[in-house]
Amino acid sequence: MTQDKTLLELEGFLPYRLNVLAETASQSLAGIYRRRYRISVPEWRIMATLGQFGAMTAKEIGQHSRMHKTKVSRAAAALEARHMILRTANTRDMRESFLDLTPRGTEVYRSLVPEARKFVDALLHPLDEGERALLDRLLTRLTRQAELLSANLQREAATTGETAAG
C-alpha cells in the first residue's frame, strides 16, 4: 500500500505528538495546583520561574517560560491580587517592574514542588534510568535544533519583509 505523500498523518507528526504530550502532562499536573490553590498553568509557570530564579521582570519570565507577554501580565496580575507575588518598580527603567514571590507565594511554591516532582516521577515510571537519560539528551538536542530553525526562519522573514508567525 502506497502512502499519499500529499497528506499529513497528524497522529504521527512529531510537532503534534510533542504538543499532545506537553498539553496532557501540563493539564494533568495543573489539576494538582488548580484543586489545592486555584492556580492556572500560566500562574504556576510564573511561580515556578520566580521560585527557581528569584525576582525577575515580566519580560524575563516570558522569555524563560515561553509565554506571551499578555499571558504573563494577566497571570502576574492575578497572583498579585492574591498576594502571591509582589511587584517592585525597577528604578533603572520605570517602564518595568520586578516580580517576586511573597512569603505566601513562597509557601505555596514550596508545597507544590514535591507534588510536581512526584508527578514527573510517575510520568517517567515506564522508562528505566538509561531511557530517562537518553530522553533528556534527545529533548535537549531537539530543543536546540528547533531554536535554530526558528531563528533561521525569523532571519529569512526579516530579509524578505515578511512577519514571522508566532
N, C-alpha and C. Protein backbone atom coordinates (compact mmCIF):
# COMPACT_ATOMS: atom_id res chain seq x y z
N MET A 1 0.85 -1.18 0.00
CA MET A 1 0.00 0.00 0.00
C MET A 1 0.89 1.24 0.00
N THR A 2 0.65 2.14 -0.91
CA THR A 2 1.44 3.35 -1.04
C THR A 2 0.83 4.47 -0.22
N GLN A 3 1.68 5.14 0.54
CA GLN A 3 1.20 6.25 1.36
C GLN A 3 1.16 7.51 0.51
N ASP A 4 0.08 8.26 0.61
CA ASP A 4 -0.08 9.51 -0.12
C ASP A 4 0.81 10.57 0.51
N LYS A 5 1.85 11.01 -0.21
CA LYS A 5 2.82 11.97 0.31
C LYS A 5 2.26 13.39 0.38
N THR A 6 1.05 13.60 -0.15
CA THR A 6 0.45 14.94 -0.07
C THR A 6 -0.37 15.10 1.20
N LEU A 7 -0.57 14.00 1.94
CA LEU A 7 -1.33 14.05 3.19
C LEU A 7 -0.38 13.99 4.37
N LEU A 8 -0.79 14.59 5.45
CA LEU A 8 -0.02 14.56 6.68
C LEU A 8 -0.82 13.80 7.73
N GLU A 9 -0.26 12.70 8.21
CA GLU A 9 -0.91 11.93 9.27
C GLU A 9 -0.58 12.61 10.58
N LEU A 10 -1.53 13.38 11.09
CA LEU A 10 -1.30 14.22 12.26
C LEU A 10 -0.82 13.41 13.46
N GLU A 11 -1.41 12.23 13.68
CA GLU A 11 -1.07 11.42 14.84
C GLU A 11 0.38 10.95 14.84
N GLY A 12 1.03 10.94 13.70
CA GLY A 12 2.43 10.54 13.60
C GLY A 12 3.38 11.71 13.39
N PHE A 13 2.85 12.93 13.33
CA PHE A 13 3.63 14.14 13.06
C PHE A 13 4.28 14.60 14.37
N LEU A 14 5.62 14.64 14.39
CA LEU A 14 6.35 14.91 15.63
C LEU A 14 5.90 16.17 16.36
N PRO A 15 5.78 17.33 15.72
CA PRO A 15 5.32 18.50 16.48
C PRO A 15 3.97 18.28 17.16
N TYR A 16 3.07 17.60 16.49
CA TYR A 16 1.76 17.31 17.07
C TYR A 16 1.89 16.39 18.26
N ARG A 17 2.69 15.32 18.13
CA ARG A 17 2.87 14.36 19.22
C ARG A 17 3.51 15.02 20.44
N LEU A 18 4.50 15.88 20.20
CA LEU A 18 5.14 16.59 21.32
C LEU A 18 4.15 17.53 22.00
N ASN A 19 3.32 18.18 21.21
CA ASN A 19 2.31 19.08 21.77
C ASN A 19 1.27 18.32 22.59
N VAL A 20 0.82 17.18 22.08
CA VAL A 20 -0.14 16.35 22.82
C VAL A 20 0.46 15.92 24.15
N LEU A 21 1.70 15.46 24.12
CA LEU A 21 2.38 15.05 25.36
C LEU A 21 2.49 16.22 26.32
N ALA A 22 2.96 17.36 25.83
CA ALA A 22 3.15 18.54 26.68
C ALA A 22 1.82 19.00 27.28
N GLU A 23 0.79 19.08 26.46
CA GLU A 23 -0.51 19.54 26.94
C GLU A 23 -1.13 18.56 27.93
N THR A 24 -1.02 17.27 27.63
CA THR A 24 -1.60 16.27 28.52
C THR A 24 -0.88 16.28 29.87
N ALA A 25 0.44 16.32 29.83
CA ALA A 25 1.21 16.36 31.08
C ALA A 25 0.93 17.65 31.84
N SER A 26 0.93 18.77 31.14
CA SER A 26 0.71 20.07 31.78
C SER A 26 -0.67 20.14 32.42
N GLN A 27 -1.69 19.69 31.71
CA GLN A 27 -3.05 19.74 32.26
C GLN A 27 -3.24 18.76 33.41
N SER A 28 -2.57 17.62 33.34
CA SER A 28 -2.64 16.66 34.46
C SER A 28 -2.02 17.25 35.71
N LEU A 29 -0.83 17.81 35.57
CA LEU A 29 -0.16 18.45 36.70
C LEU A 29 -0.98 19.65 37.19
N ALA A 30 -1.57 20.37 36.26
CA ALA A 30 -2.37 21.54 36.63
C ALA A 30 -3.52 21.17 37.55
N GLY A 31 -4.03 19.97 37.40
CA GLY A 31 -5.12 19.52 38.27
C GLY A 31 -4.73 19.57 39.74
N ILE A 32 -3.47 19.30 40.03
CA ILE A 32 -2.98 19.31 41.41
C ILE A 32 -3.01 20.72 41.98
N TYR A 33 -2.36 21.66 41.28
CA TYR A 33 -2.30 23.01 41.85
C TYR A 33 -3.59 23.79 41.65
N ARG A 34 -4.39 23.40 40.69
CA ARG A 34 -5.69 24.06 40.50
C ARG A 34 -6.63 23.71 41.65
N ARG A 35 -6.67 22.43 42.02
CA ARG A 35 -7.54 21.98 43.11
C ARG A 35 -7.10 22.56 44.45
N ARG A 36 -5.81 22.55 44.72
CA ARG A 36 -5.32 22.97 46.04
C ARG A 36 -5.29 24.48 46.20
N TYR A 37 -4.91 25.22 45.14
CA TYR A 37 -4.69 26.65 45.29
C TYR A 37 -5.39 27.51 44.24
N ARG A 38 -6.16 26.89 43.36
CA ARG A 38 -6.84 27.62 42.28
C ARG A 38 -5.85 28.41 41.42
N ILE A 39 -4.75 27.78 41.10
CA ILE A 39 -3.69 28.40 40.29
C ILE A 39 -3.81 27.87 38.86
N SER A 40 -3.73 28.77 37.89
CA SER A 40 -3.77 28.37 36.48
C SER A 40 -2.37 27.95 36.02
N VAL A 41 -2.29 27.36 34.83
CA VAL A 41 -1.00 26.96 34.27
C VAL A 41 -0.06 28.15 34.14
N PRO A 42 -0.48 29.29 33.56
CA PRO A 42 0.44 30.43 33.47
C PRO A 42 0.87 30.95 34.85
N GLU A 43 -0.05 30.93 35.80
CA GLU A 43 0.30 31.38 37.15
C GLU A 43 1.35 30.46 37.77
N TRP A 44 1.18 29.14 37.59
CA TRP A 44 2.16 28.20 38.10
C TRP A 44 3.52 28.40 37.43
N ARG A 45 3.53 28.65 36.14
CA ARG A 45 4.81 28.85 35.44
C ARG A 45 5.53 30.08 35.97
N ILE A 46 4.78 31.12 36.27
CA ILE A 46 5.41 32.32 36.87
C ILE A 46 5.96 31.97 38.24
N MET A 47 5.17 31.30 39.06
CA MET A 47 5.63 30.94 40.41
C MET A 47 6.84 30.02 40.35
N ALA A 48 6.83 29.06 39.45
CA ALA A 48 7.96 28.14 39.32
C ALA A 48 9.21 28.86 38.86
N THR A 49 9.05 29.80 37.94
CA THR A 49 10.21 30.57 37.46
C THR A 49 10.77 31.44 38.58
N LEU A 50 9.90 32.15 39.28
CA LEU A 50 10.35 33.00 40.39
C LEU A 50 10.91 32.15 41.53
N GLY A 51 10.32 31.00 41.78
CA GLY A 51 10.82 30.11 42.82
C GLY A 51 12.22 29.62 42.52
N GLN A 52 12.50 29.40 41.25
CA GLN A 52 13.82 28.93 40.84
C GLN A 52 14.85 30.05 40.78
N PHE A 53 14.48 31.20 40.22
CA PHE A 53 15.45 32.25 39.93
C PHE A 53 15.37 33.48 40.82
N GLY A 54 14.27 33.66 41.55
CA GLY A 54 14.11 34.89 42.32
C GLY A 54 13.52 35.98 41.45
N ALA A 55 13.62 37.23 41.92
CA ALA A 55 12.99 38.37 41.25
C ALA A 55 13.40 38.48 39.78
N MET A 56 12.41 38.73 38.94
CA MET A 56 12.61 38.89 37.50
C MET A 56 11.57 39.87 36.98
N THR A 57 11.84 40.41 35.80
CA THR A 57 10.83 41.23 35.14
C THR A 57 9.84 40.31 34.42
N ALA A 58 8.69 40.84 34.09
CA ALA A 58 7.70 40.06 33.35
C ALA A 58 8.27 39.62 32.01
N LYS A 59 9.04 40.48 31.38
CA LYS A 59 9.66 40.14 30.10
C LYS A 59 10.59 38.95 30.24
N GLU A 60 11.41 38.95 31.30
CA GLU A 60 12.33 37.84 31.54
C GLU A 60 11.57 36.54 31.82
N ILE A 61 10.48 36.66 32.57
CA ILE A 61 9.66 35.48 32.86
C ILE A 61 9.08 34.93 31.56
N GLY A 62 8.57 35.81 30.72
CA GLY A 62 8.02 35.39 29.44
C GLY A 62 9.04 34.69 28.56
N GLN A 63 10.26 35.24 28.52
CA GLN A 63 11.31 34.62 27.72
C GLN A 63 11.67 33.25 28.27
N HIS A 64 11.80 33.15 29.58
CA HIS A 64 12.19 31.88 30.17
C HIS A 64 11.09 30.83 30.04
N SER A 65 9.85 31.22 30.27
CA SER A 65 8.74 30.26 30.28
C SER A 65 8.07 30.10 28.92
N ARG A 66 8.51 30.88 27.94
CA ARG A 66 7.96 30.84 26.58
C ARG A 66 6.49 31.21 26.55
N MET A 67 6.12 32.16 27.41
CA MET A 67 4.74 32.65 27.42
C MET A 67 4.68 34.04 26.81
N HIS A 68 3.61 34.33 26.12
CA HIS A 68 3.39 35.65 25.53
C HIS A 68 3.25 36.68 26.64
N LYS A 69 3.67 37.90 26.36
CA LYS A 69 3.67 38.95 27.40
C LYS A 69 2.28 39.22 27.97
N THR A 70 1.23 39.11 27.15
CA THR A 70 -0.11 39.36 27.70
C THR A 70 -0.52 38.25 28.67
N LYS A 71 -0.12 37.02 28.39
CA LYS A 71 -0.43 35.92 29.29
C LYS A 71 0.33 36.09 30.61
N VAL A 72 1.59 36.52 30.52
CA VAL A 72 2.39 36.77 31.73
C VAL A 72 1.75 37.90 32.53
N SER A 73 1.35 38.96 31.85
CA SER A 73 0.77 40.12 32.51
C SER A 73 -0.51 39.76 33.26
N ARG A 74 -1.40 39.01 32.60
CA ARG A 74 -2.66 38.61 33.24
C ARG A 74 -2.42 37.69 34.43
N ALA A 75 -1.54 36.72 34.25
CA ALA A 75 -1.26 35.78 35.33
C ALA A 75 -0.58 36.49 36.50
N ALA A 76 0.33 37.40 36.20
CA ALA A 76 1.01 38.15 37.26
C ALA A 76 0.01 39.01 38.03
N ALA A 77 -0.92 39.64 37.32
CA ALA A 77 -1.93 40.47 37.99
C ALA A 77 -2.80 39.61 38.92
N ALA A 78 -3.16 38.42 38.47
CA ALA A 78 -3.98 37.52 39.29
C ALA A 78 -3.21 37.08 40.53
N LEU A 79 -1.94 36.75 40.37
CA LEU A 79 -1.11 36.33 41.52
C LEU A 79 -0.90 37.49 42.49
N GLU A 80 -0.71 38.68 41.94
CA GLU A 80 -0.53 39.86 42.78
C GLU A 80 -1.80 40.15 43.59
N ALA A 81 -2.96 40.01 42.95
CA ALA A 81 -4.23 40.26 43.64
C ALA A 81 -4.45 39.26 44.77
N ARG A 82 -3.85 38.07 44.64
CA ARG A 82 -3.99 37.04 45.67
C ARG A 82 -2.80 37.02 46.62
N HIS A 83 -1.99 38.05 46.53
CA HIS A 83 -0.85 38.23 47.45
C HIS A 83 0.18 37.10 47.38
N MET A 84 0.37 36.56 46.16
CA MET A 84 1.37 35.51 45.98
C MET A 84 2.64 36.05 45.35
N ILE A 85 2.53 37.18 44.65
CA ILE A 85 3.73 37.84 44.14
C ILE A 85 3.66 39.32 44.50
N LEU A 86 4.82 39.92 44.50
CA LEU A 86 4.95 41.34 44.81
C LEU A 86 5.60 42.01 43.61
N ARG A 87 5.09 43.14 43.24
CA ARG A 87 5.63 43.92 42.12
C ARG A 87 6.41 45.10 42.71
N THR A 88 7.67 45.26 42.28
CA THR A 88 8.51 46.36 42.74
C THR A 88 9.05 47.12 41.52
N ALA A 89 8.96 48.43 41.55
CA ALA A 89 9.42 49.24 40.42
C ALA A 89 10.90 49.05 40.17
N ASN A 90 11.27 49.03 38.91
CA ASN A 90 12.67 48.98 38.52
C ASN A 90 13.16 50.43 38.48
N THR A 91 14.02 50.82 39.40
CA THR A 91 14.45 52.22 39.48
C THR A 91 15.30 52.63 38.28
N ARG A 92 15.85 51.65 37.55
CA ARG A 92 16.66 51.98 36.36
C ARG A 92 15.81 52.11 35.10
N ASP A 93 14.63 51.53 35.13
CA ASP A 93 13.72 51.61 33.97
C ASP A 93 12.29 51.56 34.51
N MET A 94 11.69 52.71 34.65
CA MET A 94 10.37 52.82 35.28
C MET A 94 9.25 52.20 34.44
N ARG A 95 9.57 51.77 33.22
CA ARG A 95 8.56 51.13 32.38
C ARG A 95 8.31 49.68 32.79
N GLU A 96 9.21 49.14 33.61
CA GLU A 96 9.05 47.75 34.01
C GLU A 96 9.19 47.58 35.51
N SER A 97 8.72 46.45 35.98
CA SER A 97 8.78 46.14 37.41
C SER A 97 9.43 44.77 37.59
N PHE A 98 9.94 44.57 38.79
CA PHE A 98 10.42 43.25 39.16
C PHE A 98 9.29 42.53 39.88
N LEU A 99 9.15 41.26 39.60
CA LEU A 99 8.17 40.42 40.26
C LEU A 99 8.92 39.43 41.14
N ASP A 100 8.37 39.14 42.30
CA ASP A 100 8.98 38.17 43.19
C ASP A 100 7.88 37.53 44.03
N LEU A 101 8.16 36.33 44.51
CA LEU A 101 7.20 35.64 45.37
C LEU A 101 7.12 36.33 46.72
N THR A 102 5.93 36.44 47.24
CA THR A 102 5.73 36.90 48.61
C THR A 102 5.98 35.70 49.54
N PRO A 103 6.02 35.92 50.84
CA PRO A 103 6.13 34.76 51.75
C PRO A 103 5.01 33.74 51.51
N ARG A 104 3.79 34.21 51.27
CA ARG A 104 2.68 33.29 50.98
C ARG A 104 2.93 32.54 49.67
N GLY A 105 3.39 33.27 48.64
CA GLY A 105 3.70 32.64 47.35
C GLY A 105 4.82 31.61 47.48
N THR A 106 5.83 31.93 48.29
CA THR A 106 6.94 31.01 48.52
C THR A 106 6.43 29.74 49.21
N GLU A 107 5.54 29.92 50.17
CA GLU A 107 4.97 28.78 50.89
C GLU A 107 4.20 27.87 49.94
N VAL A 108 3.38 28.46 49.07
CA VAL A 108 2.61 27.69 48.10
C VAL A 108 3.56 26.99 47.13
N TYR A 109 4.54 27.70 46.63
CA TYR A 109 5.52 27.13 45.70
C TYR A 109 6.21 25.93 46.35
N ARG A 110 6.70 26.10 47.56
CA ARG A 110 7.44 25.03 48.24
C ARG A 110 6.54 23.83 48.53
N SER A 111 5.26 24.07 48.74
CA SER A 111 4.36 22.94 48.98
C SER A 111 4.06 22.18 47.68
N LEU A 112 4.17 22.87 46.55
CA LEU A 112 3.86 22.23 45.27
C LEU A 112 5.06 21.55 44.62
N VAL A 113 6.27 21.97 44.96
CA VAL A 113 7.46 21.37 44.35
C VAL A 113 7.50 19.85 44.53
N PRO A 114 7.29 19.33 45.75
CA PRO A 114 7.30 17.86 45.89
C PRO A 114 6.21 17.18 45.07
N GLU A 115 5.06 17.84 44.96
CA GLU A 115 3.97 17.29 44.15
C GLU A 115 4.36 17.24 42.67
N ALA A 116 5.01 18.30 42.20
CA ALA A 116 5.45 18.35 40.80
C ALA A 116 6.50 17.28 40.53
N ARG A 117 7.43 17.12 41.45
CA ARG A 117 8.47 16.08 41.29
C ARG A 117 7.84 14.68 41.30
N LYS A 118 6.88 14.47 42.19
CA LYS A 118 6.19 13.18 42.27
C LYS A 118 5.46 12.89 40.95
N PHE A 119 4.84 13.93 40.37
CA PHE A 119 4.15 13.77 39.10
C PHE A 119 5.12 13.36 38.00
N VAL A 120 6.27 14.03 37.94
CA VAL A 120 7.27 13.71 36.91
C VAL A 120 7.78 12.28 37.09
N ASP A 121 8.03 11.90 38.33
CA ASP A 121 8.46 10.52 38.60
C ASP A 121 7.42 9.52 38.09
N ALA A 122 6.15 9.81 38.33
CA ALA A 122 5.08 8.92 37.86
C ALA A 122 5.01 8.90 36.33
N LEU A 123 5.21 10.06 35.72
CA LEU A 123 5.18 10.14 34.25
C LEU A 123 6.32 9.33 33.64
N LEU A 124 7.49 9.41 34.25
CA LEU A 124 8.67 8.72 33.71
C LEU A 124 8.77 7.27 34.19
N HIS A 125 7.85 6.82 35.01
CA HIS A 125 7.90 5.48 35.59
C HIS A 125 8.15 4.36 34.57
N PRO A 126 7.51 4.41 33.38
CA PRO A 126 7.73 3.31 32.43
C PRO A 126 9.15 3.24 31.86
N LEU A 127 9.95 4.29 32.05
CA LEU A 127 11.30 4.34 31.48
C LEU A 127 12.33 3.95 32.52
N ASP A 128 13.35 3.17 32.08
CA ASP A 128 14.44 2.87 33.00
C ASP A 128 15.42 4.04 33.03
N GLU A 129 16.44 3.96 33.88
CA GLU A 129 17.37 5.08 34.05
C GLU A 129 18.05 5.47 32.73
N GLY A 130 18.46 4.49 31.97
CA GLY A 130 19.12 4.76 30.68
C GLY A 130 18.19 5.46 29.71
N GLU A 131 16.94 5.02 29.67
CA GLU A 131 15.95 5.65 28.79
C GLU A 131 15.67 7.08 29.22
N ARG A 132 15.63 7.31 30.54
CA ARG A 132 15.40 8.67 31.04
C ARG A 132 16.55 9.59 30.63
N ALA A 133 17.78 9.10 30.76
CA ALA A 133 18.95 9.90 30.37
C ALA A 133 18.94 10.16 28.87
N LEU A 134 18.60 9.14 28.09
CA LEU A 134 18.51 9.30 26.64
C LEU A 134 17.42 10.30 26.27
N LEU A 135 16.26 10.20 26.90
CA LEU A 135 15.17 11.15 26.63
C LEU A 135 15.63 12.57 26.92
N ASP A 136 16.32 12.77 28.03
CA ASP A 136 16.81 14.10 28.38
C ASP A 136 17.77 14.63 27.31
N ARG A 137 18.69 13.81 26.87
CA ARG A 137 19.64 14.23 25.81
C ARG A 137 18.91 14.54 24.51
N LEU A 138 17.96 13.69 24.15
CA LEU A 138 17.23 13.90 22.90
C LEU A 138 16.38 15.17 22.95
N LEU A 139 15.71 15.40 24.07
CA LEU A 139 14.91 16.62 24.20
C LEU A 139 15.79 17.87 24.13
N THR A 140 16.97 17.81 24.74
CA THR A 140 17.90 18.94 24.68
C THR A 140 18.32 19.20 23.23
N ARG A 141 18.68 18.15 22.51
CA ARG A 141 19.10 18.31 21.11
C ARG A 141 17.97 18.82 20.23
N LEU A 142 16.77 18.26 20.43
CA LEU A 142 15.63 18.71 19.62
C LEU A 142 15.25 20.15 19.92
N THR A 143 15.35 20.55 21.18
CA THR A 143 15.05 21.94 21.55
C THR A 143 16.05 22.88 20.88
N ARG A 144 17.33 22.54 20.94
CA ARG A 144 18.36 23.38 20.26
C ARG A 144 18.09 23.47 18.77
N GLN A 145 17.76 22.34 18.15
CA GLN A 145 17.50 22.34 16.72
C GLN A 145 16.26 23.17 16.37
N ALA A 146 15.22 23.05 17.17
CA ALA A 146 14.00 23.84 16.94
C ALA A 146 14.30 25.33 17.08
N GLU A 147 15.12 25.70 18.07
CA GLU A 147 15.50 27.11 18.25
C GLU A 147 16.31 27.60 17.05
N LEU A 148 17.20 26.77 16.55
CA LEU A 148 18.00 27.13 15.37
C LEU A 148 17.10 27.32 14.15
N LEU A 149 16.18 26.38 13.95
CA LEU A 149 15.25 26.51 12.82
C LEU A 149 14.39 27.76 12.95
N SER A 150 13.93 28.04 14.15
CA SER A 150 13.11 29.23 14.38
C SER A 150 13.90 30.50 14.08
N ALA A 151 15.15 30.56 14.56
CA ALA A 151 15.99 31.74 14.30
C ALA A 151 16.23 31.91 12.80
N ASN A 152 16.47 30.81 12.11
CA ASN A 152 16.69 30.88 10.66
C ASN A 152 15.44 31.38 9.94
N LEU A 153 14.28 30.89 10.35
CA LEU A 153 13.02 31.34 9.73
C LEU A 153 12.77 32.82 10.00
N GLN A 154 13.08 33.27 11.21
CA GLN A 154 12.91 34.69 11.53
C GLN A 154 13.86 35.56 10.70
N ARG A 155 15.09 35.09 10.52
CA ARG A 155 16.05 35.84 9.68
C ARG A 155 15.56 35.92 8.24
N GLU A 156 15.08 34.79 7.73
CA GLU A 156 14.55 34.76 6.36
C GLU A 156 13.36 35.71 6.23
N ALA A 157 12.48 35.69 7.20
CA ALA A 157 11.30 36.56 7.17
C ALA A 157 11.73 38.03 7.21
N ALA A 158 12.74 38.33 8.00
CA ALA A 158 13.22 39.72 8.11
C ALA A 158 13.83 40.18 6.78
N THR A 159 14.53 39.30 6.10
CA THR A 159 15.16 39.71 4.84
C THR A 159 14.14 39.85 3.70
N THR A 160 13.02 39.14 3.82
CA THR A 160 12.00 39.23 2.76
C THR A 160 10.88 40.19 3.13
N GLY A 161 10.94 40.75 4.35
CA GLY A 161 9.93 41.69 4.78
C GLY A 161 8.66 41.05 5.30
N GLU A 162 8.68 39.72 5.47
CA GLU A 162 7.51 39.02 6.00
C GLU A 162 7.52 39.11 7.52
N THR A 163 6.37 38.84 8.11
CA THR A 163 6.33 38.75 9.56
C THR A 163 6.35 37.28 9.93
N ALA A 164 7.18 36.93 10.92
CA ALA A 164 7.26 35.54 11.35
C ALA A 164 6.07 35.22 12.23
N ALA A 165 5.40 34.13 11.92
CA ALA A 165 4.26 33.71 12.73
C ALA A 165 4.78 33.12 14.02
N GLY A 166 4.02 33.41 15.15
CA GLY A 166 4.48 33.07 16.43
C GLY A 166 4.19 31.83 17.04
